């Protein structure tokens, strides 16, 4: 069974169906009942915590880069863009400030790429009844992706 190899090879739990198909082949049917697609976040506000928050926000609101599956316009906006300190600086001294900035704004979905701090911020968001995703290094991939 390729299931374990597929699970270990995934770039994260947010893999698209095509990735699962490629990894699982004819065993896809074993996991397909557990896939629950998210509706497109139309007219939603995104919060971004990343070392490249502004660049990621610009990319995610660029209509030439972001396209909806049905061809409609993407209507989300950036509700908060919080920049993390550089990789060579500890995050702990900035944690309180970043958390205060984040939760002082109104947003519907948090995209967090802040190393170990992501787990803390995502957990706090979920405890507050908000949706949050730890996107790890996906921010750099999105920013550098060629349209």
N, C-alpha and C. Protein backbone atom coordinates (compact mmCIF):
# COMPACT_ATOMS: atom_id res chain seq x y z
N UNK A 1 0.85 -1.19 0.00
CA UNK A 1 0.00 0.00 0.00
C UNK A 1 0.89 1.24 0.00
N UNK A 2 0.54 2.20 -0.85
CA UNK A 2 1.32 3.42 -0.98
C UNK A 2 0.85 4.52 -0.04
N UNK A 3 -0.13 4.25 0.80
CA UNK A 3 -0.72 5.29 1.63
C UNK A 3 0.32 5.98 2.51
N UNK A 4 1.14 5.22 3.22
CA UNK A 4 2.12 5.84 4.12
C UNK A 4 3.15 6.63 3.34
N UNK A 5 3.60 6.09 2.23
CA UNK A 5 4.57 6.84 1.42
C UNK A 5 3.95 8.14 0.92
N UNK A 6 2.68 8.09 0.56
CA UNK A 6 1.99 9.30 0.09
C UNK A 6 1.88 10.32 1.20
N UNK A 7 1.50 9.87 2.39
CA UNK A 7 1.36 10.80 3.50
C UNK A 7 2.69 11.45 3.86
N UNK A 8 3.76 10.69 3.81
CA UNK A 8 5.08 11.25 4.12
C UNK A 8 5.60 12.16 3.02
N UNK A 9 5.14 11.96 1.80
CA UNK A 9 5.64 12.75 0.67
C UNK A 9 4.87 14.04 0.45
N UNK A 10 3.73 14.21 1.10
CA UNK A 10 2.92 15.41 0.88
C UNK A 10 3.62 16.66 1.39
N UNK A 11 3.44 17.77 0.70
CA UNK A 11 4.03 19.03 1.17
C UNK A 11 3.25 19.63 2.33
N UNK A 12 2.22 19.03 2.77
CA UNK A 12 1.39 19.52 3.87
C UNK A 12 -0.02 19.03 3.70
N UNK A 13 -0.86 19.22 4.72
CA UNK A 13 -2.22 18.69 4.64
C UNK A 13 -3.12 19.43 3.66
N UNK A 14 -2.65 20.51 3.08
CA UNK A 14 -3.49 21.29 2.16
C UNK A 14 -3.29 20.87 0.71
N UNK A 15 -2.81 19.67 0.48
CA UNK A 15 -2.55 19.21 -0.89
C UNK A 15 -3.85 19.16 -1.69
N UNK A 16 -3.74 19.46 -2.97
CA UNK A 16 -4.91 19.41 -3.84
C UNK A 16 -5.15 17.98 -4.29
N UNK A 17 -6.35 17.72 -4.78
CA UNK A 17 -6.74 16.38 -5.18
C UNK A 17 -5.77 15.78 -6.21
N UNK A 18 -5.26 16.58 -7.11
CA UNK A 18 -4.32 16.07 -8.13
C UNK A 18 -3.06 15.50 -7.49
N UNK A 19 -2.59 16.14 -6.40
CA UNK A 19 -1.41 15.62 -5.71
C UNK A 19 -1.73 14.27 -5.07
N UNK A 20 -2.88 14.16 -4.45
CA UNK A 20 -3.29 12.89 -3.85
C UNK A 20 -3.39 11.82 -4.92
N UNK A 21 -3.98 12.14 -6.07
CA UNK A 21 -4.14 11.17 -7.16
C UNK A 21 -2.78 10.67 -7.62
N UNK A 22 -1.85 11.58 -7.78
CA UNK A 22 -0.51 11.21 -8.23
C UNK A 22 0.17 10.30 -7.21
N UNK A 23 0.02 10.60 -5.94
CA UNK A 23 0.70 9.83 -4.90
C UNK A 23 0.01 8.50 -4.60
N UNK A 24 -1.31 8.47 -4.65
CA UNK A 24 -2.05 7.27 -4.26
C UNK A 24 -2.48 6.39 -5.42
N UNK A 25 -2.56 6.97 -6.61
CA UNK A 25 -2.99 6.18 -7.76
C UNK A 25 -4.37 5.59 -7.56
N UNK A 26 -4.49 4.28 -7.78
CA UNK A 26 -5.80 3.62 -7.68
C UNK A 26 -6.27 3.42 -6.24
N UNK A 27 -5.47 3.84 -5.26
CA UNK A 27 -5.88 3.74 -3.85
C UNK A 27 -6.49 5.05 -3.33
N UNK A 28 -6.67 6.02 -4.22
CA UNK A 28 -7.25 7.31 -3.84
C UNK A 28 -8.61 7.15 -3.17
N UNK A 29 -9.39 6.19 -3.61
CA UNK A 29 -10.74 6.00 -3.06
C UNK A 29 -10.73 5.74 -1.55
N UNK A 30 -9.61 5.28 -0.99
CA UNK A 30 -9.52 5.01 0.44
C UNK A 30 -9.63 6.29 1.28
N UNK A 31 -9.10 7.38 0.76
CA UNK A 31 -9.12 8.65 1.51
C UNK A 31 -10.14 9.65 1.00
N UNK A 32 -10.65 9.45 -0.19
CA UNK A 32 -11.54 10.44 -0.80
C UNK A 32 -12.74 10.82 0.08
N UNK A 33 -13.33 9.90 0.86
CA UNK A 33 -14.45 10.32 1.71
C UNK A 33 -14.07 11.37 2.76
N UNK A 34 -12.78 11.50 3.05
CA UNK A 34 -12.34 12.44 4.09
C UNK A 34 -11.98 13.82 3.55
N UNK A 35 -11.97 13.98 2.24
CA UNK A 35 -11.65 15.28 1.66
C UNK A 35 -12.86 16.20 1.80
N UNK A 36 -12.64 17.37 2.34
CA UNK A 36 -13.71 18.35 2.49
C UNK A 36 -13.20 19.67 1.92
N UNK A 37 -13.57 20.00 0.70
CA UNK A 37 -13.06 21.24 0.10
C UNK A 37 -13.61 22.46 0.83
N UNK A 38 -12.77 23.46 0.95
CA UNK A 38 -13.20 24.74 1.51
C UNK A 38 -13.84 25.55 0.40
N UNK A 39 -14.90 26.26 0.72
CA UNK A 39 -15.44 27.17 -0.30
C UNK A 39 -14.44 28.31 -0.52
N UNK A 40 -14.48 28.87 -1.69
CA UNK A 40 -13.60 30.01 -1.98
C UNK A 40 -13.91 31.13 -1.00
N UNK A 41 -12.87 31.73 -0.42
CA UNK A 41 -13.12 32.80 0.56
C UNK A 41 -13.52 34.12 -0.09
N UNK A 42 -14.66 34.13 -0.75
CA UNK A 42 -15.14 35.35 -1.42
C UNK A 42 -15.49 36.41 -0.39
N UNK A 43 -15.12 37.63 -0.70
CA UNK A 43 -15.40 38.79 0.15
C UNK A 43 -14.92 38.58 1.58
N UNK A 44 -13.82 37.86 1.73
CA UNK A 44 -13.25 37.60 3.05
C UNK A 44 -11.99 38.43 3.23
N UNK A 45 -11.63 38.60 4.49
CA UNK A 45 -10.41 39.33 4.84
C UNK A 45 -9.37 38.33 5.32
N UNK A 46 -8.20 38.39 4.70
CA UNK A 46 -7.10 37.52 5.09
C UNK A 46 -6.16 38.26 6.03
N UNK A 47 -5.63 37.55 7.00
CA UNK A 47 -4.55 38.07 7.84
C UNK A 47 -3.30 37.29 7.46
N UNK A 48 -2.19 37.98 7.34
CA UNK A 48 -0.93 37.34 6.96
C UNK A 48 0.12 37.67 8.00
N UNK A 49 0.77 36.63 8.51
CA UNK A 49 1.93 36.81 9.37
C UNK A 49 3.07 36.09 8.67
N UNK A 50 4.07 36.88 8.25
CA UNK A 50 5.17 36.32 7.45
C UNK A 50 6.32 37.32 7.45
N UNK A 51 7.50 36.81 7.18
CA UNK A 51 8.64 37.70 7.00
C UNK A 51 8.44 38.56 5.76
N UNK A 52 7.60 38.08 4.84
CA UNK A 52 7.33 38.77 3.58
C UNK A 52 5.84 39.12 3.47
N UNK A 53 5.26 39.59 4.55
CA UNK A 53 3.81 39.80 4.62
C UNK A 53 3.28 40.72 3.53
N UNK A 54 3.91 41.83 3.30
CA UNK A 54 3.43 42.78 2.30
C UNK A 54 3.50 42.19 0.90
N UNK A 55 4.61 41.53 0.57
CA UNK A 55 4.75 40.93 -0.76
C UNK A 55 3.73 39.82 -0.97
N UNK A 56 3.49 39.00 0.06
CA UNK A 56 2.51 37.93 -0.06
C UNK A 56 1.11 38.51 -0.22
N UNK A 57 0.80 39.55 0.54
CA UNK A 57 -0.50 40.22 0.40
C UNK A 57 -0.71 40.76 -1.00
N UNK A 58 0.31 41.37 -1.56
CA UNK A 58 0.22 41.89 -2.93
C UNK A 58 -0.01 40.77 -3.93
N UNK A 59 0.68 39.67 -3.73
CA UNK A 59 0.57 38.54 -4.66
C UNK A 59 -0.83 37.92 -4.58
N UNK A 60 -1.35 37.78 -3.37
CA UNK A 60 -2.66 37.14 -3.20
C UNK A 60 -3.83 38.01 -3.64
N UNK A 61 -3.59 39.28 -3.87
CA UNK A 61 -4.65 40.16 -4.38
C UNK A 61 -4.41 40.57 -5.83
N UNK A 62 -3.40 39.98 -6.46
CA UNK A 62 -3.08 40.25 -7.86
C UNK A 62 -4.01 39.41 -8.74
N UNK A 63 -4.93 40.04 -9.48
CA UNK A 63 -5.89 39.27 -10.28
C UNK A 63 -5.25 38.46 -11.40
N UNK A 64 -4.02 38.80 -11.81
CA UNK A 64 -3.36 38.00 -12.84
C UNK A 64 -2.75 36.73 -12.25
N UNK A 65 -2.59 36.68 -10.94
CA UNK A 65 -2.03 35.50 -10.29
C UNK A 65 -3.12 34.60 -9.70
N UNK A 66 -4.10 35.22 -9.03
CA UNK A 66 -5.15 34.46 -8.35
C UNK A 66 -6.37 34.36 -9.25
N UNK A 67 -6.81 33.15 -9.45
CA UNK A 67 -8.01 32.91 -10.27
C UNK A 67 -8.90 31.93 -9.52
N UNK A 68 -10.18 32.15 -9.57
CA UNK A 68 -11.10 31.22 -8.92
C UNK A 68 -11.40 30.09 -9.89
N UNK A 69 -11.79 28.93 -9.37
CA UNK A 69 -12.06 27.78 -10.24
C UNK A 69 -13.17 28.03 -11.26
N UNK A 70 -14.16 28.81 -10.91
CA UNK A 70 -15.28 29.06 -11.82
C UNK A 70 -15.07 30.24 -12.73
N UNK A 71 -13.92 30.90 -12.64
CA UNK A 71 -13.64 32.05 -13.49
C UNK A 71 -14.15 33.36 -12.93
N UNK A 72 -14.78 33.33 -11.75
CA UNK A 72 -15.27 34.58 -11.16
C UNK A 72 -14.07 35.39 -10.62
N UNK A 73 -14.33 36.66 -10.34
CA UNK A 73 -13.29 37.47 -9.74
C UNK A 73 -13.05 37.02 -8.31
N UNK A 74 -11.80 37.07 -7.89
CA UNK A 74 -11.45 36.78 -6.51
C UNK A 74 -11.68 38.05 -5.72
N UNK A 75 -12.46 37.95 -4.65
CA UNK A 75 -12.89 39.16 -3.95
C UNK A 75 -12.38 39.27 -2.52
N UNK A 76 -11.35 38.52 -2.16
CA UNK A 76 -10.85 38.69 -0.81
C UNK A 76 -9.93 39.90 -0.74
N UNK A 77 -9.64 40.33 0.46
CA UNK A 77 -8.73 41.45 0.67
C UNK A 77 -7.84 41.13 1.87
N UNK A 78 -6.85 41.95 2.08
CA UNK A 78 -5.93 41.75 3.19
C UNK A 78 -6.40 42.61 4.37
N UNK A 79 -6.76 41.93 5.46
CA UNK A 79 -7.21 42.63 6.66
C UNK A 79 -6.07 43.00 7.59
N UNK A 80 -4.99 42.23 7.54
CA UNK A 80 -3.81 42.50 8.38
C UNK A 80 -2.60 41.86 7.72
N UNK A 81 -1.49 42.57 7.70
CA UNK A 81 -0.22 42.05 7.19
C UNK A 81 0.85 42.37 8.23
N UNK A 82 1.27 41.37 8.95
CA UNK A 82 2.22 41.56 10.05
C UNK A 82 3.54 40.90 9.68
N UNK A 83 4.59 41.70 9.67
CA UNK A 83 5.90 41.22 9.27
C UNK A 83 6.65 40.65 10.46
N UNK A 84 7.18 39.45 10.28
CA UNK A 84 8.00 38.80 11.31
C UNK A 84 9.41 39.36 11.30
N UNK A 85 10.11 39.25 12.40
CA UNK A 85 11.52 39.65 12.40
C UNK A 85 12.34 38.70 11.52
N UNK A 86 13.55 39.11 11.13
CA UNK A 86 14.41 38.25 10.30
C UNK A 86 14.68 36.90 10.98
N UNK A 87 15.07 35.93 10.16
CA UNK A 87 15.32 34.58 10.65
C UNK A 87 16.39 34.52 11.73
N UNK A 88 17.37 35.40 11.67
CA UNK A 88 18.46 35.36 12.64
C UNK A 88 18.12 36.04 13.97
N UNK A 89 16.89 36.51 14.12
CA UNK A 89 16.46 37.13 15.37
C UNK A 89 15.43 36.24 16.06
N UNK A 90 15.50 36.16 17.39
CA UNK A 90 14.49 35.37 18.10
C UNK A 90 13.11 36.01 17.99
N UNK A 91 12.10 35.17 17.93
CA UNK A 91 10.72 35.66 17.77
C UNK A 91 10.07 36.02 19.11
N UNK A 92 10.55 35.40 20.17
CA UNK A 92 9.91 35.58 21.48
C UNK A 92 9.72 37.05 21.88
N UNK A 93 10.73 37.92 21.71
CA UNK A 93 10.53 39.32 22.11
C UNK A 93 9.43 40.04 21.31
N UNK A 94 9.10 39.51 20.13
CA UNK A 94 8.12 40.15 19.25
C UNK A 94 6.73 39.51 19.36
N UNK A 95 6.64 38.40 20.08
CA UNK A 95 5.40 37.62 20.13
C UNK A 95 4.20 38.43 20.62
N UNK A 96 4.35 39.12 21.72
CA UNK A 96 3.23 39.89 22.29
C UNK A 96 2.76 40.98 21.33
N UNK A 97 3.71 41.71 20.76
CA UNK A 97 3.36 42.78 19.82
C UNK A 97 2.64 42.22 18.60
N UNK A 98 3.16 41.14 18.05
CA UNK A 98 2.55 40.56 16.86
C UNK A 98 1.15 40.03 17.16
N UNK A 99 0.98 39.39 18.31
CA UNK A 99 -0.33 38.87 18.70
C UNK A 99 -1.32 40.02 18.88
N UNK A 100 -0.90 41.09 19.53
CA UNK A 100 -1.79 42.25 19.73
C UNK A 100 -2.19 42.87 18.39
N UNK A 101 -1.24 43.05 17.49
CA UNK A 101 -1.55 43.61 16.17
C UNK A 101 -2.52 42.70 15.42
N UNK A 102 -2.27 41.41 15.48
CA UNK A 102 -3.09 40.45 14.75
C UNK A 102 -4.53 40.45 15.25
N UNK A 103 -4.72 40.36 16.55
CA UNK A 103 -6.07 40.23 17.09
C UNK A 103 -6.78 41.56 17.28
N UNK A 104 -6.09 42.67 16.98
CA UNK A 104 -6.74 43.99 17.03
C UNK A 104 -7.45 44.30 15.71
N UNK A 105 -7.24 43.46 14.70
CA UNK A 105 -7.84 43.70 13.39
C UNK A 105 -8.91 42.65 13.11
N UNK A 106 -9.76 42.95 12.14
CA UNK A 106 -10.84 42.06 11.77
C UNK A 106 -10.42 41.25 10.54
N UNK A 107 -10.44 39.94 10.63
CA UNK A 107 -10.08 39.07 9.51
C UNK A 107 -10.81 37.74 9.66
N UNK A 108 -10.89 37.01 8.53
CA UNK A 108 -11.61 35.74 8.49
C UNK A 108 -10.71 34.52 8.45
N UNK A 109 -9.52 34.66 7.86
CA UNK A 109 -8.60 33.53 7.71
C UNK A 109 -7.17 34.02 7.90
N UNK A 110 -6.44 33.36 8.79
CA UNK A 110 -5.04 33.68 9.04
C UNK A 110 -4.15 32.74 8.22
N UNK A 111 -3.23 33.31 7.47
CA UNK A 111 -2.18 32.57 6.78
C UNK A 111 -0.88 32.90 7.50
N UNK A 112 -0.31 31.92 8.17
CA UNK A 112 0.81 32.19 9.07
C UNK A 112 2.06 31.43 8.65
N UNK A 113 3.13 32.18 8.40
CA UNK A 113 4.43 31.61 8.07
C UNK A 113 5.45 32.26 9.00
N UNK A 114 5.46 31.81 10.24
CA UNK A 114 6.29 32.46 11.26
C UNK A 114 7.09 31.45 12.07
N UNK A 115 7.47 30.35 11.46
CA UNK A 115 8.25 29.34 12.17
C UNK A 115 7.48 28.78 13.35
N UNK A 116 8.17 28.61 14.47
CA UNK A 116 7.55 28.04 15.66
C UNK A 116 6.41 28.92 16.19
N UNK A 117 6.49 30.20 15.93
CA UNK A 117 5.45 31.13 16.37
C UNK A 117 4.11 30.85 15.67
N UNK A 118 4.15 30.24 14.48
CA UNK A 118 2.93 29.92 13.75
C UNK A 118 2.00 29.02 14.56
N UNK A 119 2.58 28.02 15.22
CA UNK A 119 1.75 27.10 16.01
C UNK A 119 1.02 27.85 17.11
N UNK A 120 1.69 28.78 17.75
CA UNK A 120 1.08 29.55 18.84
C UNK A 120 -0.03 30.45 18.30
N UNK A 121 0.27 31.20 17.23
CA UNK A 121 -0.73 32.13 16.69
C UNK A 121 -1.92 31.39 16.09
N UNK A 122 -1.68 30.28 15.40
CA UNK A 122 -2.79 29.52 14.82
C UNK A 122 -3.66 28.91 15.92
N UNK A 123 -3.06 28.41 16.97
CA UNK A 123 -3.83 27.85 18.09
C UNK A 123 -4.67 28.93 18.75
N UNK A 124 -4.09 30.12 18.96
CA UNK A 124 -4.85 31.21 19.57
C UNK A 124 -5.99 31.66 18.67
N UNK A 125 -5.76 31.67 17.37
CA UNK A 125 -6.82 32.04 16.43
C UNK A 125 -7.96 31.03 16.50
N UNK A 126 -7.63 29.76 16.49
CA UNK A 126 -8.65 28.72 16.55
C UNK A 126 -9.39 28.74 17.88
N UNK A 127 -8.68 29.04 18.97
CA UNK A 127 -9.34 29.16 20.27
C UNK A 127 -10.32 30.32 20.30
N UNK A 128 -10.03 31.34 19.49
CA UNK A 128 -10.92 32.50 19.40
C UNK A 128 -12.03 32.30 18.36
N UNK A 129 -12.11 31.09 17.80
CA UNK A 129 -13.17 30.79 16.83
C UNK A 129 -12.87 31.26 15.41
N UNK A 130 -11.61 31.53 15.12
CA UNK A 130 -11.22 31.98 13.79
C UNK A 130 -10.46 30.88 13.06
N UNK A 131 -10.48 30.92 11.74
CA UNK A 131 -9.76 29.92 10.94
C UNK A 131 -8.31 30.37 10.74
N UNK A 132 -7.41 29.39 10.79
CA UNK A 132 -5.99 29.70 10.65
C UNK A 132 -5.28 28.54 9.98
N UNK A 133 -4.30 28.86 9.14
CA UNK A 133 -3.47 27.87 8.48
C UNK A 133 -2.00 28.21 8.69
N UNK A 134 -1.23 27.24 9.11
CA UNK A 134 0.22 27.39 9.16
C UNK A 134 0.72 27.01 7.77
N UNK A 135 1.13 28.00 6.99
CA UNK A 135 1.52 27.74 5.60
C UNK A 135 3.02 27.47 5.46
N UNK A 136 3.73 27.45 6.56
CA UNK A 136 5.17 27.17 6.58
C UNK A 136 5.89 28.04 5.56
N UNK A 137 6.64 27.47 4.64
CA UNK A 137 7.41 28.26 3.67
C UNK A 137 6.66 28.48 2.36
N UNK A 138 5.37 28.22 2.35
CA UNK A 138 4.57 28.40 1.14
C UNK A 138 4.55 29.85 0.69
N UNK A 139 4.75 30.80 1.60
CA UNK A 139 4.76 32.21 1.22
C UNK A 139 5.84 32.49 0.18
N UNK A 140 7.03 31.96 0.38
CA UNK A 140 8.13 32.19 -0.56
C UNK A 140 7.80 31.57 -1.92
N UNK A 141 7.18 30.39 -1.92
CA UNK A 141 6.80 29.73 -3.16
C UNK A 141 5.78 30.56 -3.92
N UNK A 142 4.78 31.08 -3.22
CA UNK A 142 3.75 31.89 -3.87
C UNK A 142 4.32 33.17 -4.44
N UNK A 143 5.18 33.83 -3.69
CA UNK A 143 5.77 35.09 -4.14
C UNK A 143 6.64 34.87 -5.37
N UNK A 144 7.38 33.78 -5.41
CA UNK A 144 8.32 33.52 -6.52
C UNK A 144 7.69 32.81 -7.71
N UNK A 145 6.45 32.32 -7.56
CA UNK A 145 5.80 31.56 -8.63
C UNK A 145 5.58 32.44 -9.84
N UNK A 146 5.89 31.90 -11.01
CA UNK A 146 5.67 32.63 -12.27
C UNK A 146 4.26 32.37 -12.76
N UNK A 147 3.54 33.43 -13.08
CA UNK A 147 2.15 33.28 -13.58
C UNK A 147 2.14 32.72 -14.96
